[in-house]
Amino acid sequence: MKKNILVIYYSQTGQLEDIVKNIAKPFEAKKEEYDITFYNIKLKEDFPFPWPGDVFFNTFPESYLQIPKEIYPPSEEILNKKYDLILFGYQVWYLTPSIPIISFLKSGYAERILKDTPVVTISGTRNMWMLSQEKLKVYLRDLQAQLVGNIALVDRHDNYTSVLTILRWLTTGQKEKSGILPAAGISHAEITGSVKYGEIIERHIKNNDLNSLQPELVKNGAIEIRAFLVRVEKVGNKIFTVWSNLIIKKKEKRPLLIKFFKVYLMAAIWIISPVVLVLHLLTTPIFWFKRQKQKKYLQGINLK
């Protein structure tokens, strides 16, 4: 009997769609063994791309506070079928799973699809995905899904270069290199190479051995933990909590507060972030073992 595989994702730029489709290739190549379905989450009121003006910054409070929007329902076929595995692709907005992903998870459809089903999460991000994955783990637990694997593909350029290229991509739609700036996003080689993770997943589900899936994914480079960025994310979450609640509560001052937030965010990236890096490096000998323990945890699929 064929195994049913569902691929769930939302993709504005097409990058995440390319990633999940590459990872799904080993299943599509064995049509006699797998029945694969793709579910592209659609918002009833979708976001523009490229993002005009300050529209992307205006999504910040709702993104961070995980306020959903209405989505188009999945097909009846998807809702009524029991899946043997779900590949769940998502991107990160403001240290949190994106609004379209949150909107699906908070819809009534998510539990029907995810409950009692093995799930492999797949993210494509600039570089900070670790604590967003922790938030996603909570949703999956509450929906009674079985997280069995995680793959996190990132932009390999340094933090500051990737900020410039992602802003260029978001606001102009230009992903290709320009001037001294390289192409934005995850490299083409890494996206096409992600098929290897699909091969690993396919082998494990074929052998009914999903319990040992994550260690093999990690061994093959599916997860890279940068301790410095974990620290930045922790600081960022604290600051974002203050800003997002302030903007939501002060509705009449929202346009002005969004402008202040944009200025603050740029300052945080270019001024505060280097300070955090220096402090991180200075304290490395003191917190070495703690950070190694943290790294092992974040590479895994368990939830504290």
Protein backbone atom coordinates (compact mmCIF):
# COMPACT_ATOMS: atom_id res chain seq x y z
CA MET A 1 0.00 0.00 0.00
CA LYS A 2 1.26 3.48 -0.88
CA LYS A 3 2.29 5.86 1.87
CA ASN A 4 0.63 9.28 1.81
CA ILE A 5 2.98 12.28 1.99
CA LEU A 6 1.76 15.87 2.41
CA VAL A 7 3.96 18.91 1.77
CA ILE A 8 2.67 22.09 3.46
CA TYR A 9 4.28 25.47 2.78
CA TYR A 10 3.81 29.18 2.13
CA SER A 11 6.22 30.98 -0.19
CA GLN A 12 6.23 34.59 -1.37
CA THR A 13 9.51 34.62 -3.27
CA GLY A 14 9.50 30.99 -4.40
CA GLN A 15 12.61 30.13 -2.36
CA LEU A 16 10.86 27.96 0.20
CA GLU A 17 8.79 26.31 -2.52
CA ASP A 18 12.03 25.34 -4.28
CA ILE A 19 13.41 23.93 -1.03
CA VAL A 20 10.41 21.75 -0.14
CA LYS A 21 10.04 20.52 -3.71
CA ASN A 22 13.70 19.48 -3.81
CA ILE A 23 13.34 17.65 -0.50
CA ALA A 24 10.19 15.96 -1.85
CA LYS A 25 11.90 14.72 -5.04
CA PRO A 26 12.88 11.27 -3.68
CA PHE A 27 9.21 10.62 -2.87
CA GLU A 28 8.03 11.82 -6.29
CA ALA A 29 10.59 9.56 -7.94
CA LYS A 30 8.91 6.52 -6.37
CA LYS A 31 5.30 7.01 -7.42
CA GLU A 32 4.62 3.31 -6.95
CA GLU A 33 5.43 3.69 -3.24
CA TYR A 34 4.25 7.21 -2.36
CA ASP A 35 1.25 9.39 -3.06
CA ILE A 36 2.50 12.96 -2.58
CA THR A 37 0.27 16.04 -2.22
CA PHE A 38 1.33 19.71 -2.07
CA TYR A 39 -0.63 22.22 -0.02
CA ASN A 40 0.35 25.85 -0.59
CA ILE A 41 -1.22 27.94 2.18
CA LYS A 42 -3.19 30.86 0.70
CA LEU A 43 -4.31 33.92 2.62
CA LYS A 44 -7.63 35.49 1.64
CA GLU A 45 -5.87 38.84 1.89
CA ASP A 46 -2.29 38.09 0.90
CA PHE A 47 0.79 40.23 1.43
CA PRO A 48 2.42 42.07 -1.50
CA PHE A 49 5.78 41.19 -2.97
CA PRO A 50 7.99 43.10 -3.37
CA TRP A 51 6.99 44.92 -0.18
CA PRO A 52 6.21 48.60 -0.85
CA GLY A 53 7.36 51.33 1.54
CA ASP A 54 7.13 50.39 5.19
CA VAL A 55 4.50 47.66 4.68
CA PHE A 56 6.86 44.90 5.83
CA PHE A 57 7.70 46.80 9.01
CA ASN A 58 3.98 47.37 9.54
CA THR A 59 3.46 43.61 9.78
CA PHE A 60 5.81 43.46 12.78
CA PRO A 61 3.40 43.58 15.76
CA GLU A 62 0.95 41.07 14.26
CA SER A 63 3.84 38.84 13.21
CA TYR A 64 5.54 38.81 16.58
CA LEU A 65 2.30 38.52 18.59
CA GLN A 66 1.16 35.69 16.29
CA ILE A 67 -2.11 37.30 15.26
CA PRO A 68 -3.59 35.23 12.41
CA LYS A 69 -5.35 36.20 9.19
CA GLU A 70 -8.02 34.23 7.36
CA ILE A 71 -6.83 31.52 4.97
CA TYR A 72 -8.51 29.66 2.16
CA PRO A 73 -9.43 26.16 3.38
CA PRO A 74 -7.43 23.16 2.21
CA SER A 75 -9.22 20.87 -0.22
CA GLU A 76 -11.59 18.24 1.11
CA GLU A 77 -9.18 15.61 -0.19
CA ILE A 78 -6.42 16.96 2.05
CA LEU A 79 -8.72 17.33 5.05
CA ASN A 80 -10.11 13.81 4.75
CA LYS A 81 -6.92 11.89 4.03
CA LYS A 82 -4.68 10.38 6.70
CA TYR A 83 -1.00 11.06 6.03
CA ASP A 84 2.00 8.93 6.92
CA LEU A 85 4.32 11.95 6.89
CA ILE A 86 4.05 15.72 6.58
CA LEU A 87 6.88 17.94 5.33
CA PHE A 88 6.11 21.33 6.86
CA GLY A 89 7.91 24.26 5.23
CA TYR A 90 7.94 27.64 6.91
CA GLN A 91 9.79 30.95 6.98
CA VAL A 92 10.51 33.30 9.88
CA TRP A 93 9.20 36.85 10.21
CA TYR A 94 10.45 38.83 13.20
CA LEU A 95 11.83 35.82 15.12
CA THR A 96 8.46 34.03 14.75
CA PRO A 97 6.86 31.70 12.19
CA SER A 98 5.36 33.93 9.48
CA ILE A 99 1.77 35.18 9.66
CA PRO A 100 0.56 32.77 6.91
CA ILE A 101 2.04 29.82 8.84
CA ILE A 102 0.57 31.03 12.15
CA SER A 103 -2.76 31.55 10.38
CA PHE A 104 -2.78 27.91 9.28
CA LEU A 105 -1.70 26.62 12.69
CA LYS A 106 -4.45 28.62 14.41
CA SER A 107 -7.12 27.57 11.92
CA GLY A 108 -9.38 24.63 12.61
CA TYR A 109 -7.83 22.83 9.67
CA ALA A 110 -4.39 22.33 11.23
CA GLU A 111 -5.46 19.91 13.93
CA ARG A 112 -7.42 17.76 11.47
CA ILE A 113 -4.36 17.45 9.25
CA LEU A 114 -1.52 17.31 11.79
CA LYS A 115 -2.98 15.29 14.68
CA ASP A 116 -1.13 12.02 15.35
CA THR A 117 0.99 12.49 12.23
CA PRO A 118 4.80 12.52 11.93
CA VAL A 119 6.05 15.96 10.87
CA VAL A 120 9.41 17.16 9.55
CA THR A 121 9.77 20.94 9.79
CA ILE A 122 11.76 22.72 7.07
CA SER A 123 12.75 26.36 7.32
CA GLY A 124 14.44 28.68 4.87
CA THR A 125 15.67 31.82 6.60
CA ARG A 126 18.27 34.58 6.65
CA ASN A 127 19.98 33.11 9.72
CA MET A 128 17.87 33.40 12.90
CA TRP A 129 15.43 30.50 13.15
CA MET A 130 16.28 28.78 16.46
CA LEU A 131 13.77 30.34 18.86
CA SER A 132 11.13 30.51 16.14
CA GLN A 133 11.45 26.74 15.92
CA GLU A 134 10.83 26.57 19.67
CA LYS A 135 7.57 28.47 19.16
CA LEU A 136 6.60 26.11 16.35
CA LYS A 137 7.32 23.09 18.57
CA VAL A 138 4.70 24.37 21.03
CA TYR A 139 2.07 24.58 18.28
CA LEU A 140 2.87 21.08 17.04
CA ARG A 141 2.68 19.69 20.57
CA ASP A 142 -0.68 21.38 21.22
CA LEU A 143 -2.02 20.08 17.89
CA GLN A 144 -0.84 16.57 18.89
CA ALA A 145 1.50 16.29 15.91
CA GLN A 146 4.64 14.15 16.16
CA LEU A 147 7.75 16.18 15.38
CA VAL A 148 10.28 13.69 14.01
CA GLY A 149 12.76 15.92 12.17
CA ASN A 150 13.92 19.45 11.49
CA ILE A 151 15.90 20.98 8.61
CA ALA A 152 17.04 24.61 8.70
CA LEU A 153 18.58 26.12 5.57
CA VAL A 154 20.11 29.58 5.96
CA ASP A 155 21.89 32.34 4.08
CA ARG A 156 25.61 31.57 4.59
CA HIS A 157 26.80 35.17 4.17
CA ASP A 158 27.79 37.19 7.22
CA ASN A 159 25.06 38.82 9.28
CA TYR A 160 25.48 42.32 7.86
CA THR A 161 25.77 41.34 4.20
CA SER A 162 22.63 39.21 4.50
CA VAL A 163 20.72 42.16 6.04
CA LEU A 164 21.52 44.32 3.01
CA THR A 165 20.71 41.64 0.43
CA ILE A 166 17.46 40.59 2.09
CA LEU A 167 16.27 44.21 2.31
CA ARG A 168 17.11 44.67 -1.39
CA TRP A 169 15.18 41.48 -2.21
CA LEU A 170 12.13 42.34 -0.09
CA THR A 171 11.77 45.92 -1.32
CA THR A 172 12.76 45.60 -4.98
CA GLY A 173 12.29 41.92 -5.78
CA GLN A 174 15.93 41.67 -6.89
CA LYS A 175 17.58 38.51 -5.66
CA GLU A 176 20.52 38.57 -8.07
CA LYS A 177 23.88 40.07 -7.09
CA SER A 178 24.37 43.80 -7.68
CA GLY A 179 27.49 45.88 -7.24
CA ILE A 180 29.50 44.47 -4.35
CA LEU A 181 26.48 42.66 -2.88
CA PRO A 182 26.06 38.93 -3.59
CA ALA A 183 22.77 37.24 -4.47
CA ALA A 184 20.24 37.22 -1.63
CA GLY A 185 18.97 34.22 0.24
CA ILE A 186 20.03 30.62 0.42
CA SER A 187 22.48 29.58 -2.28
CA HIS A 188 21.23 27.72 -5.35
CA ALA A 189 23.69 24.91 -4.62
CA GLU A 190 22.33 24.43 -1.13
CA ILE A 191 18.71 24.48 -2.32
CA THR A 192 19.30 21.89 -5.05
CA GLY A 193 21.50 19.91 -2.66
CA SER A 194 18.68 19.66 -0.13
CA VAL A 195 17.41 16.65 -2.07
CA LYS A 196 19.84 14.65 0.09
CA TYR A 197 17.64 15.34 3.11
CA GLY A 198 14.67 13.97 1.22
CA GLU A 199 16.64 10.81 0.51
CA ILE A 200 17.41 10.42 4.22
CA ILE A 201 13.77 11.00 5.21
CA GLU A 202 12.51 8.59 2.53
CA ARG A 203 14.86 5.87 3.70
CA HIS A 204 13.75 6.27 7.32
CA ILE A 205 10.03 6.23 6.59
CA LYS A 206 10.47 3.24 4.29
CA ASN A 207 12.17 1.38 7.14
CA ASN A 208 9.64 2.64 9.71
CA ASP A 209 12.54 4.17 11.64
CA LEU A 210 11.64 7.82 12.23
CA ASN A 211 13.04 7.78 15.78
CA SER A 212 16.61 7.98 14.49
CA LEU A 213 15.87 10.44 11.69
CA GLN A 214 16.97 13.69 13.33
CA PRO A 215 20.47 12.51 14.36
CA GLU A 216 21.17 11.50 10.77
CA LEU A 217 19.83 14.81 9.42
CA VAL A 218 22.13 16.67 11.82
CA LYS A 219 25.07 14.47 10.86
CA ASN A 220 24.49 15.45 7.22
CA GLY A 221 24.43 19.20 7.85
CA ALA A 222 20.70 19.89 8.18
CA ILE A 223 21.20 22.05 11.29
CA GLU A 224 23.83 24.67 12.06
CA ILE A 225 23.68 26.41 15.44
CA ARG A 226 25.52 29.71 15.86
CA ALA A 227 25.62 30.44 19.58
CA PHE A 228 26.04 34.16 19.02
CA LEU A 229 22.81 34.33 17.02
CA VAL A 230 20.93 32.43 19.72
CA ARG A 231 21.97 35.16 22.12
CA VAL A 232 20.85 37.84 19.66
CA GLU A 233 17.48 36.10 19.31
CA LYS A 234 16.97 36.00 23.07
CA VAL A 235 17.67 39.71 23.36
CA GLY A 236 15.53 40.39 20.31
CA ASN A 237 12.54 38.52 21.71
CA LYS A 238 12.61 40.61 24.87
CA ILE A 239 12.79 43.86 22.92
CA PHE A 240 10.18 42.78 20.36
CA THR A 241 7.76 41.94 23.18
CA VAL A 242 7.90 45.54 24.39
CA TRP A 243 7.67 47.11 20.94
CA SER A 244 4.87 44.90 19.60
CA ASN A 245 2.62 45.40 22.61
CA LEU A 246 3.25 49.15 22.57
CA ILE A 247 2.31 49.44 18.87
CA ILE A 248 -0.82 47.31 19.28
CA LYS A 249 -2.03 49.29 22.31
CA LYS A 250 -1.29 52.75 20.89
CA LYS A 251 -3.40 52.35 17.75
CA GLU A 252 -3.70 56.07 17.09
CA LYS A 253 0.10 56.43 17.10
CA ARG A 254 0.83 53.28 15.08
CA PRO A 255 2.26 54.94 11.91
CA LEU A 256 4.67 57.01 13.98
CA LEU A 257 5.64 54.09 16.23
CA ILE A 258 6.30 51.88 13.17
CA LYS A 259 8.71 54.51 11.85
CA PHE A 260 10.47 54.64 15.24
CA PHE A 261 10.61 50.84 15.33
CA LYS A 262 12.20 50.72 11.86
CA VAL A 263 14.90 53.16 12.98
CA TYR A 264 15.42 51.21 16.20
CA LEU A 265 15.66 47.89 14.35
CA MET A 266 18.33 49.19 11.99
CA ALA A 267 20.27 50.63 14.92
CA ALA A 268 19.97 47.32 16.78
CA ILE A 269 21.36 45.40 13.82
CA TRP A 270 24.26 47.74 13.12
CA ILE A 271 25.13 48.99 16.63
CA ILE A 272 23.71 46.76 19.37
CA SER A 273 24.40 43.47 17.59
CA PRO A 274 28.19 44.05 17.43
CA VAL A 275 28.18 44.80 21.18
CA VAL A 276 26.36 41.52 21.83
CA LEU A 277 28.95 39.73 19.67
CA VAL A 278 31.86 41.17 21.65
CA LEU A 279 30.24 40.19 24.96
CA HIS A 280 29.55 36.74 23.57
CA LEU A 281 33.19 36.23 22.58
CA LEU A 282 34.48 37.49 25.92
CA THR A 283 32.26 35.10 27.87
CA THR A 284 32.86 32.04 25.66
CA PRO A 285 35.32 30.35 28.08
CA ILE A 286 32.91 30.86 30.99
CA PHE A 287 29.81 29.51 29.25
CA TRP A 288 31.41 26.92 26.97
CA PHE A 289 29.71 23.84 28.44
CA LYS A 290 26.36 25.60 28.78
CA ARG A 291 26.47 26.63 25.13
CA GLN A 292 27.41 23.13 24.00
CA LYS A 293 24.41 21.77 25.89
CA GLN A 294 22.21 24.46 24.33
CA LYS A 295 23.54 23.61 20.87
CA LYS A 296 22.71 19.93 21.28
CA TYR A 297 19.20 20.79 22.42
CA LEU A 298 18.51 23.17 19.53
CA GLN A 299 19.75 20.60 17.03
CA GLY A 300 17.15 18.19 18.32
CA ILE A 301 13.37 17.91 18.16
CA ASN A 302 12.43 17.71 21.83
CA LEU A 303 10.64 20.57 23.63
CA LYS A 304 11.76 21.66 27.08
